Amino acid sequence: MPIGKHVLDVPAHRLLDAGGQEVPLTTMEFDLLRVFAEHPNRVLSRDQLLSLTRNRDWEPFDRSIDIRIARLRRKIEPDPDHPQLIKTVRGVGYMYVPG
């Protein structure tokens, strides 16, 4: 699955950059990318993201998803300070916009 200039290899559970080099991901980062790739152009709330990744270690006001999204952006966005692939939808959640 293409993710910007990267390729998400779901069966191999890895992310490759444009040069074919593996980009190290945590299990949660991989799961988030997979969920985003499966739901392009759709706003997903934090609760939906946590449910779709089957992460059971969260509480209703847990903002750890925001930290994980920030880490992902540093790995896949050309300019993480101005994300184009994983956009924040204020007050709602996040949306993956294929590049």
N, C-alpha and C. Protein backbone atom coordinates (compact mmCIF):
# COMPACT_ATOMS: atom_id res chain seq x y z
N MET A 1 0.85 -1.18 0.00
CA MET A 1 0.00 0.00 0.00
C MET A 1 0.89 1.24 0.00
N PRO A 2 0.68 2.16 -0.92
CA PRO A 2 1.47 3.39 -0.90
C PRO A 2 1.03 4.32 0.24
N ILE A 3 1.99 4.89 0.91
CA ILE A 3 1.76 5.89 1.96
C ILE A 3 2.69 7.05 1.62
N GLY A 4 2.18 8.02 0.87
CA GLY A 4 3.05 9.09 0.39
C GLY A 4 4.11 8.49 -0.50
N LYS A 5 5.39 8.76 -0.17
CA LYS A 5 6.50 8.20 -0.94
C LYS A 5 6.98 6.88 -0.35
N HIS A 6 6.27 6.37 0.64
CA HIS A 6 6.61 5.12 1.30
C HIS A 6 5.69 4.01 0.81
N VAL A 7 6.07 2.78 1.14
CA VAL A 7 5.22 1.62 0.84
C VAL A 7 5.01 0.85 2.13
N LEU A 8 3.75 0.63 2.48
CA LEU A 8 3.41 -0.16 3.65
C LEU A 8 3.20 -1.60 3.19
N ASP A 9 4.09 -2.47 3.61
CA ASP A 9 4.04 -3.89 3.26
C ASP A 9 3.33 -4.59 4.40
N VAL A 10 2.01 -4.74 4.26
CA VAL A 10 1.20 -5.31 5.34
C VAL A 10 1.59 -6.75 5.67
N PRO A 11 1.71 -7.65 4.67
CA PRO A 11 2.06 -9.03 5.03
C PRO A 11 3.41 -9.15 5.76
N ALA A 12 4.37 -8.30 5.38
CA ALA A 12 5.69 -8.36 6.01
C ALA A 12 5.76 -7.49 7.27
N HIS A 13 4.69 -6.71 7.51
CA HIS A 13 4.60 -5.86 8.70
C HIS A 13 5.75 -4.86 8.76
N ARG A 14 5.94 -4.12 7.63
CA ARG A 14 7.02 -3.13 7.60
C ARG A 14 6.70 -1.98 6.65
N LEU A 15 7.44 -0.90 6.84
CA LEU A 15 7.30 0.30 6.01
C LEU A 15 8.63 0.53 5.31
N LEU A 16 8.56 0.76 3.98
CA LEU A 16 9.76 1.00 3.19
C LEU A 16 9.73 2.42 2.66
N ASP A 17 10.91 3.08 2.69
CA ASP A 17 10.97 4.43 2.14
C ASP A 17 11.12 4.35 0.62
N ALA A 18 11.24 5.50 -0.04
CA ALA A 18 11.30 5.55 -1.50
C ALA A 18 12.49 4.78 -2.05
N GLY A 19 13.55 4.66 -1.26
CA GLY A 19 14.74 3.93 -1.70
C GLY A 19 14.71 2.45 -1.36
N GLY A 20 13.61 1.99 -0.78
CA GLY A 20 13.48 0.58 -0.42
C GLY A 20 14.05 0.22 0.94
N GLN A 21 14.48 1.23 1.70
CA GLN A 21 15.00 0.98 3.03
C GLN A 21 13.86 0.90 4.05
N GLU A 22 13.99 -0.02 4.98
CA GLU A 22 12.96 -0.17 6.00
C GLU A 22 13.01 0.99 6.99
N VAL A 23 11.83 1.52 7.30
CA VAL A 23 11.68 2.57 8.29
C VAL A 23 11.20 1.89 9.58
N PRO A 24 11.96 2.00 10.67
CA PRO A 24 11.56 1.32 11.90
C PRO A 24 10.24 1.89 12.45
N LEU A 25 9.32 0.98 12.77
CA LEU A 25 8.02 1.35 13.33
C LEU A 25 7.74 0.50 14.55
N THR A 26 7.05 1.10 15.51
CA THR A 26 6.53 0.29 16.62
C THR A 26 5.30 -0.44 16.09
N THR A 27 4.84 -1.41 16.84
CA THR A 27 3.63 -2.13 16.44
C THR A 27 2.44 -1.19 16.32
N MET A 28 2.31 -0.26 17.26
CA MET A 28 1.20 0.68 17.23
C MET A 28 1.30 1.61 16.01
N GLU A 29 2.50 2.08 15.69
CA GLU A 29 2.66 2.94 14.52
C GLU A 29 2.27 2.19 13.25
N PHE A 30 2.70 0.93 13.13
CA PHE A 30 2.33 0.13 11.97
C PHE A 30 0.81 -0.03 11.90
N ASP A 31 0.20 -0.36 13.03
CA ASP A 31 -1.25 -0.56 13.06
C ASP A 31 -1.99 0.72 12.69
N LEU A 32 -1.51 1.87 13.15
CA LEU A 32 -2.14 3.14 12.79
C LEU A 32 -2.04 3.39 11.29
N LEU A 33 -0.86 3.16 10.71
CA LEU A 33 -0.71 3.35 9.26
C LEU A 33 -1.63 2.42 8.48
N ARG A 34 -1.73 1.17 8.93
CA ARG A 34 -2.62 0.21 8.26
C ARG A 34 -4.06 0.70 8.31
N VAL A 35 -4.50 1.15 9.48
CA VAL A 35 -5.88 1.65 9.63
C VAL A 35 -6.10 2.87 8.74
N PHE A 36 -5.16 3.80 8.73
CA PHE A 36 -5.30 4.97 7.87
C PHE A 36 -5.38 4.56 6.39
N ALA A 37 -4.52 3.63 5.98
CA ALA A 37 -4.51 3.19 4.58
C ALA A 37 -5.82 2.50 4.20
N GLU A 38 -6.42 1.82 5.16
CA GLU A 38 -7.70 1.13 4.91
C GLU A 38 -8.89 2.07 4.93
N HIS A 39 -8.71 3.30 5.45
CA HIS A 39 -9.79 4.28 5.55
C HIS A 39 -9.34 5.65 5.03
N PRO A 40 -8.92 5.73 3.76
CA PRO A 40 -8.43 7.01 3.24
C PRO A 40 -9.54 8.06 3.16
N ASN A 41 -9.14 9.30 3.34
CA ASN A 41 -10.06 10.44 3.21
C ASN A 41 -11.27 10.35 4.14
N ARG A 42 -11.09 9.68 5.25
CA ARG A 42 -12.17 9.55 6.24
C ARG A 42 -11.64 9.99 7.59
N VAL A 43 -12.37 10.88 8.24
CA VAL A 43 -11.96 11.35 9.56
C VAL A 43 -12.22 10.24 10.58
N LEU A 44 -11.18 9.93 11.35
CA LEU A 44 -11.29 8.91 12.39
C LEU A 44 -10.99 9.57 13.74
N SER A 45 -11.89 9.36 14.68
CA SER A 45 -11.69 9.92 16.02
C SER A 45 -10.61 9.13 16.75
N ARG A 46 -10.13 9.67 17.85
CA ARG A 46 -9.15 8.96 18.66
C ARG A 46 -9.71 7.61 19.11
N ASP A 47 -10.95 7.61 19.55
CA ASP A 47 -11.58 6.36 19.99
C ASP A 47 -11.63 5.34 18.87
N GLN A 48 -12.00 5.78 17.67
CA GLN A 48 -12.05 4.86 16.53
C GLN A 48 -10.66 4.31 16.22
N LEU A 49 -9.67 5.18 16.22
CA LEU A 49 -8.30 4.73 15.94
C LEU A 49 -7.84 3.70 16.96
N LEU A 50 -8.11 3.96 18.22
CA LEU A 50 -7.71 3.01 19.26
C LEU A 50 -8.48 1.70 19.15
N SER A 51 -9.75 1.77 18.81
CA SER A 51 -10.54 0.54 18.64
C SER A 51 -10.08 -0.25 17.43
N LEU A 52 -9.83 0.44 16.31
CA LEU A 52 -9.43 -0.23 15.08
C LEU A 52 -8.03 -0.82 15.16
N THR A 53 -7.20 -0.29 16.03
CA THR A 53 -5.86 -0.85 16.20
C THR A 53 -5.85 -1.90 17.32
N ARG A 54 -6.98 -2.08 17.95
CA ARG A 54 -7.15 -3.06 19.04
C ARG A 54 -6.25 -2.77 20.24
N ASN A 55 -5.95 -1.50 20.43
CA ASN A 55 -5.14 -1.10 21.58
C ASN A 55 -6.06 -0.99 22.80
N ARG A 56 -5.86 -1.85 23.75
CA ARG A 56 -6.72 -1.88 24.94
C ARG A 56 -6.18 -1.00 26.07
N ASP A 57 -4.96 -0.47 25.90
CA ASP A 57 -4.32 0.28 26.99
C ASP A 57 -4.61 1.77 26.90
N TRP A 58 -5.87 2.14 26.98
CA TRP A 58 -6.21 3.56 26.90
C TRP A 58 -7.38 3.86 27.80
N GLU A 59 -7.52 5.12 28.13
CA GLU A 59 -8.63 5.59 28.95
C GLU A 59 -9.35 6.69 28.18
N PRO A 60 -10.55 7.01 28.55
CA PRO A 60 -11.37 7.94 27.76
C PRO A 60 -10.70 9.26 27.38
N PHE A 61 -9.87 9.82 28.21
CA PHE A 61 -9.27 11.11 27.87
C PHE A 61 -7.77 10.98 27.58
N ASP A 62 -7.36 9.77 27.23
CA ASP A 62 -5.96 9.48 26.91
C ASP A 62 -5.58 10.18 25.60
N ARG A 63 -4.50 10.95 25.66
CA ARG A 63 -4.03 11.66 24.46
C ARG A 63 -2.78 11.01 23.87
N SER A 64 -2.47 9.77 24.28
CA SER A 64 -1.26 9.11 23.78
C SER A 64 -1.33 8.91 22.27
N ILE A 65 -2.52 8.84 21.72
CA ILE A 65 -2.66 8.70 20.27
C ILE A 65 -2.04 9.90 19.57
N ASP A 66 -2.16 11.08 20.16
CA ASP A 66 -1.59 12.29 19.57
C ASP A 66 -0.06 12.18 19.48
N ILE A 67 0.54 11.62 20.50
CA ILE A 67 1.99 11.44 20.52
C ILE A 67 2.40 10.45 19.43
N ARG A 68 1.64 9.38 19.28
CA ARG A 68 1.96 8.38 18.26
C ARG A 68 1.80 8.96 16.85
N ILE A 69 0.78 9.78 16.66
CA ILE A 69 0.57 10.42 15.36
C ILE A 69 1.75 11.36 15.06
N ALA A 70 2.20 12.11 16.06
CA ALA A 70 3.34 13.02 15.87
C ALA A 70 4.59 12.23 15.48
N ARG A 71 4.81 11.10 16.11
CA ARG A 71 5.98 10.27 15.77
C ARG A 71 5.87 9.72 14.35
N LEU A 72 4.68 9.30 13.98
CA LEU A 72 4.45 8.81 12.61
C LEU A 72 4.73 9.91 11.59
N ARG A 73 4.24 11.10 11.87
CA ARG A 73 4.45 12.21 10.94
C ARG A 73 5.94 12.47 10.73
N ARG A 74 6.73 12.37 11.78
CA ARG A 74 8.18 12.58 11.63
C ARG A 74 8.80 11.52 10.73
N LYS A 75 8.17 10.36 10.64
CA LYS A 75 8.72 9.27 9.83
C LYS A 75 8.24 9.29 8.39
N ILE A 76 7.03 9.82 8.12
CA ILE A 76 6.49 9.71 6.77
C ILE A 76 6.23 11.03 6.05
N GLU A 77 6.12 12.11 6.79
CA GLU A 77 5.79 13.40 6.17
C GLU A 77 7.06 14.10 5.67
N PRO A 78 7.02 14.70 4.47
CA PRO A 78 8.16 15.49 4.01
C PRO A 78 8.44 16.66 4.96
N ASP A 79 7.38 17.28 5.49
CA ASP A 79 7.51 18.38 6.45
C ASP A 79 6.54 18.10 7.60
N PRO A 80 7.01 17.44 8.66
CA PRO A 80 6.12 17.05 9.77
C PRO A 80 5.40 18.22 10.44
N ASP A 81 5.97 19.43 10.34
CA ASP A 81 5.32 20.60 10.94
C ASP A 81 4.13 21.09 10.12
N HIS A 82 4.05 20.65 8.88
CA HIS A 82 2.94 20.99 7.98
C HIS A 82 2.46 19.71 7.30
N PRO A 83 1.83 18.81 8.06
CA PRO A 83 1.47 17.49 7.53
C PRO A 83 0.49 17.55 6.37
N GLN A 84 0.76 16.73 5.38
CA GLN A 84 -0.12 16.61 4.21
C GLN A 84 -0.77 15.24 4.13
N LEU A 85 -0.15 14.23 4.74
CA LEU A 85 -0.68 12.87 4.67
C LEU A 85 -1.65 12.56 5.81
N ILE A 86 -1.25 12.89 7.03
CA ILE A 86 -2.12 12.66 8.19
C ILE A 86 -2.50 14.03 8.73
N LYS A 87 -3.71 14.43 8.42
CA LYS A 87 -4.18 15.77 8.80
C LYS A 87 -4.98 15.71 10.09
N THR A 88 -4.85 16.75 10.87
CA THR A 88 -5.65 16.90 12.08
C THR A 88 -6.96 17.58 11.71
N VAL A 89 -8.06 17.01 12.16
CA VAL A 89 -9.37 17.64 12.00
C VAL A 89 -9.76 18.07 13.41
N ARG A 90 -9.60 19.35 13.68
CA ARG A 90 -9.77 19.89 15.03
C ARG A 90 -11.10 19.47 15.65
N GLY A 91 -11.00 18.99 16.88
CA GLY A 91 -12.18 18.61 17.63
C GLY A 91 -12.81 17.29 17.20
N VAL A 92 -12.22 16.65 16.17
CA VAL A 92 -12.80 15.39 15.68
C VAL A 92 -11.79 14.26 15.72
N GLY A 93 -10.65 14.43 15.07
CA GLY A 93 -9.66 13.36 15.03
C GLY A 93 -8.64 13.59 13.93
N TYR A 94 -8.35 12.54 13.18
CA TYR A 94 -7.32 12.58 12.14
C TYR A 94 -7.84 11.96 10.85
N MET A 95 -7.25 12.41 9.74
CA MET A 95 -7.64 11.90 8.43
C MET A 95 -6.40 11.66 7.60
N TYR A 96 -6.32 10.49 6.99
CA TYR A 96 -5.24 10.17 6.06
C TYR A 96 -5.66 10.61 4.67
N VAL A 97 -4.83 11.43 4.05
CA VAL A 97 -5.08 11.92 2.70
C VAL A 97 -3.97 11.36 1.81
N PRO A 98 -4.28 10.35 0.98
CA PRO A 98 -3.24 9.77 0.13
C PRO A 98 -2.55 10.82 -0.72
N GLY A 99 -1.23 10.72 -0.82
CA GLY A 99 -0.45 11.72 -1.54
C GLY A 99 -0.09 11.33 -2.94
